[in-house]
C-alpha atoms as a PDB file:
ATOM      1  CA  UNK A   1      63.517 -53.222  39.062  1.00  0.00           C
ATOM      2  CA  UNK A   2      61.176 -56.174  38.509  1.00  0.00           C
ATOM      3  CA  UNK A   3      57.420 -56.317  39.144  1.00  0.00           C
ATOM      4  CA  UNK A   4      57.817 -58.040  42.541  1.00  0.00           C
ATOM      5  CA  UNK A   5      60.332 -55.455  43.709  1.00  0.00           C
ATOM      6  CA  UNK A   6      58.116 -52.592  42.496  1.00  0.00           C
ATOM      7  CA  UNK A   7      55.203 -53.639  44.727  1.00  0.00           C
ATOM      8  CA  UNK A   8      57.030 -53.487  48.083  1.00  0.00           C
ATOM      9  CA  UNK A   9      55.626 -50.837  50.411  1.00  0.00           C
ATOM     10  CA  UNK A  10      53.002 -49.667  47.891  1.00  0.00           C
ATOM     11  CA  UNK A  11      49.235 -49.816  47.391  1.00  0.00           C
ATOM     12  CA  UNK A  12      49.903 -52.818  45.152  1.00  0.00           C
ATOM     13  CA  UNK A  13      51.217 -54.778  48.125  1.00  0.00           C
ATOM     14  CA  UNK A  14      48.510 -53.453  50.480  1.00  0.00           C
ATOM     15  CA  UNK A  15      45.722 -54.640  48.164  1.00  0.00           C
ATOM     16  CA  UNK A  16      47.391 -58.037  47.617  1.00  0.00           C
ATOM     17  CA  UNK A  17      47.825 -57.570  43.872  1.00  0.00           C
ATOM     18  CA  UNK A  18      50.035 -60.236  42.286  1.00  0.00           C
ATOM     19  CA  UNK A  19      51.480 -60.094  38.773  1.00  0.00           C
ATOM     20  CA  UNK A  20      50.916 -63.507  37.214  1.00  0.00           C
ATOM     21  CA  UNK A  21      52.111 -62.880  33.661  1.00  0.00           C
ATOM     22  CA  UNK A  22      54.121 -60.065  32.116  1.00  0.00           C
ATOM     23  CA  UNK A  23      54.867 -59.991  28.403  1.00  0.00           C
ATOM     24  CA  UNK A  24      55.357 -57.458  25.637  1.00  0.00           C
ATOM     25  CA  UNK A  25      52.088 -55.548  25.639  1.00  0.00           C
ATOM     26  CA  UNK A  26      50.251 -58.064  27.842  1.00  0.00           C
ATOM     27  CA  UNK A  27      49.831 -58.316  31.634  1.00  0.00           C
ATOM     28  CA  UNK A  28      47.781 -60.584  33.900  1.00  0.00           C
ATOM     29  CA  UNK A  29      47.364 -59.854  37.618  1.00  0.00           C
ATOM     30  CA  UNK A  30      45.152 -61.089  40.441  1.00  0.00           C
ATOM     31  CA  UNK A  31      43.686 -59.383  43.499  1.00  0.00           C
ATOM     32  CA  UNK A  32      41.830 -60.898  46.458  1.00  0.00           C
ATOM     33  CA  UNK A  33      38.305 -59.771  47.225  1.00  0.00           C
ATOM     34  CA  UNK A  34      38.439 -59.472  51.009  1.00  0.00           C
ATOM     35  CA  UNK A  35      38.468 -56.896  53.836  1.00  0.00           C
ATOM     36  CA  UNK A  36      41.242 -54.953  52.056  1.00  0.00           C
ATOM     37  CA  UNK A  37      39.251 -54.492  48.858  1.00  0.00           C
ATOM     38  CA  UNK A  38      35.639 -54.361  50.104  1.00  0.00           C
ATOM     39  CA  UNK A  39      33.365 -51.355  50.270  1.00  0.00           C
ATOM     40  CA  UNK A  40      31.100 -50.983  53.364  1.00  0.00           C
ATOM     41  CA  UNK A  41      28.403 -53.366  51.994  1.00  0.00           C
ATOM     42  CA  UNK A  42      30.848 -56.250  51.544  1.00  0.00           C
ATOM     43  CA  UNK A  43      31.289 -55.927  47.782  1.00  0.00           C
ATOM     44  CA  UNK A  44      34.457 -55.367  45.774  1.00  0.00           C
ATOM     45  CA  UNK A  45      35.130 -51.622  45.927  1.00  0.00           C
ATOM     46  CA  UNK A  46      35.110 -49.935  42.520  1.00  0.00           C
ATOM     47  CA  UNK A  47      38.221 -48.005  43.537  1.00  0.00           C
ATOM     48  CA  UNK A  48      40.051 -51.280  44.184  1.00  0.00           C
ATOM     49  CA  UNK A  49      39.129 -52.442  40.678  1.00  0.00           C
ATOM     50  CA  UNK A  50      40.431 -49.162  39.256  1.00  0.00           C
ATOM     51  CA  UNK A  51      43.655 -49.507  41.272  1.00  0.00           C
ATOM     52  CA  UNK A  52      44.090 -53.029  39.881  1.00  0.00           C
ATOM     53  CA  UNK A  53      43.448 -51.812  36.324  1.00  0.00           C
ATOM     54  CA  UNK A  54      45.915 -48.927  36.590  1.00  0.00           C
ATOM     55  CA  UNK A  55      48.507 -51.224  38.162  1.00  0.00           C
ATOM     56  CA  UNK A  56      48.239 -53.625  35.221  1.00  0.00           C
ATOM     57  CA  UNK A  57      48.516 -50.798  32.676  1.00  0.00           C
ATOM     58  CA  UNK A  58      51.418 -49.121  34.480  1.00  0.00           C
ATOM     59  CA  UNK A  59      53.463 -52.287  34.933  1.00  0.00           C
ATOM     60  CA  UNK A  60      52.770 -53.303  31.338  1.00  0.00           C
ATOM     61  CA  UNK A  61      53.781 -49.880  30.061  1.00  0.00           C
ATOM     62  CA  UNK A  62      56.941 -49.867  32.178  1.00  0.00           C
ATOM     63  CA  UNK A  63      57.950 -53.175  30.568  1.00  0.00           C
ATOM     64  CA  UNK A  64      57.849 -51.434  27.164  1.00  0.00           C
ATOM     65  CA  UNK A  65      60.049 -48.399  27.898  1.00  0.00           C
ATOM     66  CA  UNK A  66      63.779 -47.806  28.313  1.00  0.00           C
ATOM     67  CA  UNK A  67      64.238 -48.034  32.103  1.00  0.00           C
ATOM     68  CA  UNK A  68      67.421 -45.966  31.974  1.00  0.00           C
ATOM     69  CA  UNK A  69      65.787 -42.878  30.465  1.00  0.00           C
ATOM     70  CA  UNK A  70      62.012 -43.256  30.844  1.00  0.00           C
ATOM     71  CA  UNK A  71      59.328 -43.799  33.429  1.00  0.00           C
ATOM     72  CA  UNK A  72      55.546 -44.122  33.222  1.00  0.00           C
ATOM     73  CA  UNK A  73      52.613 -42.575  35.092  1.00  0.00           C
ATOM     74  CA  UNK A  74      48.858 -42.867  34.810  1.00  0.00           C
ATOM     75  CA  UNK A  75      47.333 -40.005  32.826  1.00  0.00           C
ATOM     76  CA  UNK A  76      43.641 -41.004  32.611  1.00  0.00           C
ATOM     77  CA  UNK A  77      41.523 -43.998  33.532  1.00  0.00           C
ATOM     78  CA  UNK A  78      37.878 -44.933  33.190  1.00  0.00           C
ATOM     79  CA  UNK A  79      36.016 -47.999  34.341  1.00  0.00           C
ATOM     80  CA  UNK A  80      32.631 -49.598  33.965  1.00  0.00           C
ATOM     81  CA  UNK A  81      31.672 -51.868  36.856  1.00  0.00           C
ATOM     82  CA  UNK A  82      29.625 -54.720  35.397  1.00  0.00           C
ATOM     83  CA  UNK A  83      29.190 -57.330  38.131  1.00  0.00           C
ATOM     84  CA  UNK A  84      29.400 -57.361  41.927  1.00  0.00           C
ATOM     85  CA  UNK A  85      31.856 -59.697  43.666  1.00  0.00           C
ATOM     86  CA  UNK A  86      31.789 -60.522  47.391  1.00  0.00           C
ATOM     87  CA  UNK A  87      34.725 -62.902  47.809  1.00  0.00           C
ATOM     88  CA  UNK A  88      37.400 -64.877  46.026  1.00  0.00           C
ATOM     89  CA  UNK A  89      39.899 -63.524  43.549  1.00  0.00           C
ATOM     90  CA  UNK A  90      39.545 -61.298  40.514  1.00  0.00           C
ATOM     91  CA  UNK A  91      41.895 -61.417  37.537  1.00  0.00           C
ATOM     92  CA  UNK A  92      42.841 -58.431  35.388  1.00  0.00           C
ATOM     93  CA  UNK A  93      44.111 -58.918  31.853  1.00  0.00           C
ATOM     94  CA  UNK A  94      45.646 -55.876  30.214  1.00  0.00           C
ATOM     95  CA  UNK A  95      46.531 -55.424  26.556  1.00  0.00           C
ATOM     96  CA  UNK A  96      48.221 -52.436  24.963  1.00  0.00           C
ATOM     97  CA  UNK A  97      46.009 -50.823  22.313  1.00  0.00           C
ATOM     98  CA  UNK A  98      48.345 -47.952  21.371  1.00  0.00           C
ATOM     99  CA  UNK A  99      52.078 -47.646  21.966  1.00  0.00           C
ATOM    100  CA  UNK A 100      53.318 -44.168  21.158  1.00  0.00           C
ATOM    101  CA  UNK A 101      56.452 -42.233  22.097  1.00  0.00           C
ATOM    102  CA  UNK A 102      54.740 -40.201  24.834  1.00  0.00           C
ATOM    103  CA  UNK A 103      51.535 -42.130  25.605  1.00  0.00           C
ATOM    104  CA  UNK A 104      50.154 -45.643  25.680  1.00  0.00           C
ATOM    105  CA  UNK A 105      46.546 -46.752  25.862  1.00  0.00           C
ATOM    106  CA  UNK A 106      45.703 -50.008  27.636  1.00  0.00           C
ATOM    107  CA  UNK A 107      42.521 -52.104  27.671  1.00  0.00           C
ATOM    108  CA  UNK A 108      41.941 -53.954  30.956  1.00  0.00           C
ATOM    109  CA  UNK A 109      39.267 -56.550  31.615  1.00  0.00           C
ATOM    110  CA  UNK A 110      38.682 -57.802  35.165  1.00  0.00           C
ATOM    111  CA  UNK A 111      36.929 -61.153  35.621  1.00  0.00           C
ATOM    112  CA  UNK A 112      35.802 -63.255  38.580  1.00  0.00           C
ATOM    113  CA  UNK A 113      36.734 -66.866  39.260  1.00  0.00           C
ATOM    114  CA  UNK A 114      34.019 -68.031  36.826  1.00  0.00           C
ATOM    115  CA  UNK A 115      35.513 -65.837  34.042  1.00  0.00           C
ATOM    116  CA  UNK A 116      32.516 -63.476  34.211  1.00  0.00           C
ATOM    117  CA  UNK A 117      33.248 -59.855  33.386  1.00  0.00           C
ATOM    118  CA  UNK A 118      33.406 -57.707  36.533  1.00  0.00           C
ATOM    119  CA  UNK A 119      34.904 -54.482  35.193  1.00  0.00           C
ATOM    120  CA  UNK A 120      36.197 -53.105  31.924  1.00  0.00           C
ATOM    121  CA  UNK A 121      38.665 -50.234  31.949  1.00  0.00           C
ATOM    122  CA  UNK A 122      40.784 -48.148  29.615  1.00  0.00           C
ATOM    123  CA  UNK A 123      43.893 -46.454  30.935  1.00  0.00           C
ATOM    124  CA  UNK A 124      46.124 -43.882  29.261  1.00  0.00           C
ATOM    125  CA  UNK A 125      49.725 -43.935  30.444  1.00  0.00           C
ATOM    126  CA  UNK A 126      52.167 -41.064  29.974  1.00  0.00           C
ATOM    127  CA  UNK A 127      55.756 -41.961  29.102  1.00  0.00           C
ATOM    128  CA  UNK A 128      58.004 -39.464  30.889  1.00  0.00           C
ATOM    129  CA  UNK A 129      61.699 -38.726  30.602  1.00  0.00           C
ATOM    130  CA  UNK A 130      63.736 -39.293  33.757  1.00  0.00           C
ATOM    131  CA  UNK A 131      65.621 -36.233  34.950  1.00  0.00           C
END
């Protein structure tokens, strides 16, 4: 299953997240800042940023495992929200920091259209065996 197929009928599709680049240990994705991703005061919702960060880490981790025998799930995530965004598009760039047999740790930086840091996140992904 490819990244486009994985997003159908999920939160990824609902939030308008698009995978722009997917490589070994590196992922870039975008998300619109609009009515779907706003909080009540018209700013990018911190939860939407966290969803974007975990999406990047999860898709990146999935690209690094054996799809026949393994899957991936989020285990832990943290985020620091640095800058408010009202509109436009944000871009998340994820890089694997640790690639183990049962866990991976990803660094995700989210920037606005002017390449200013909006959010920085670290996500731990569990590698699970398929039954």
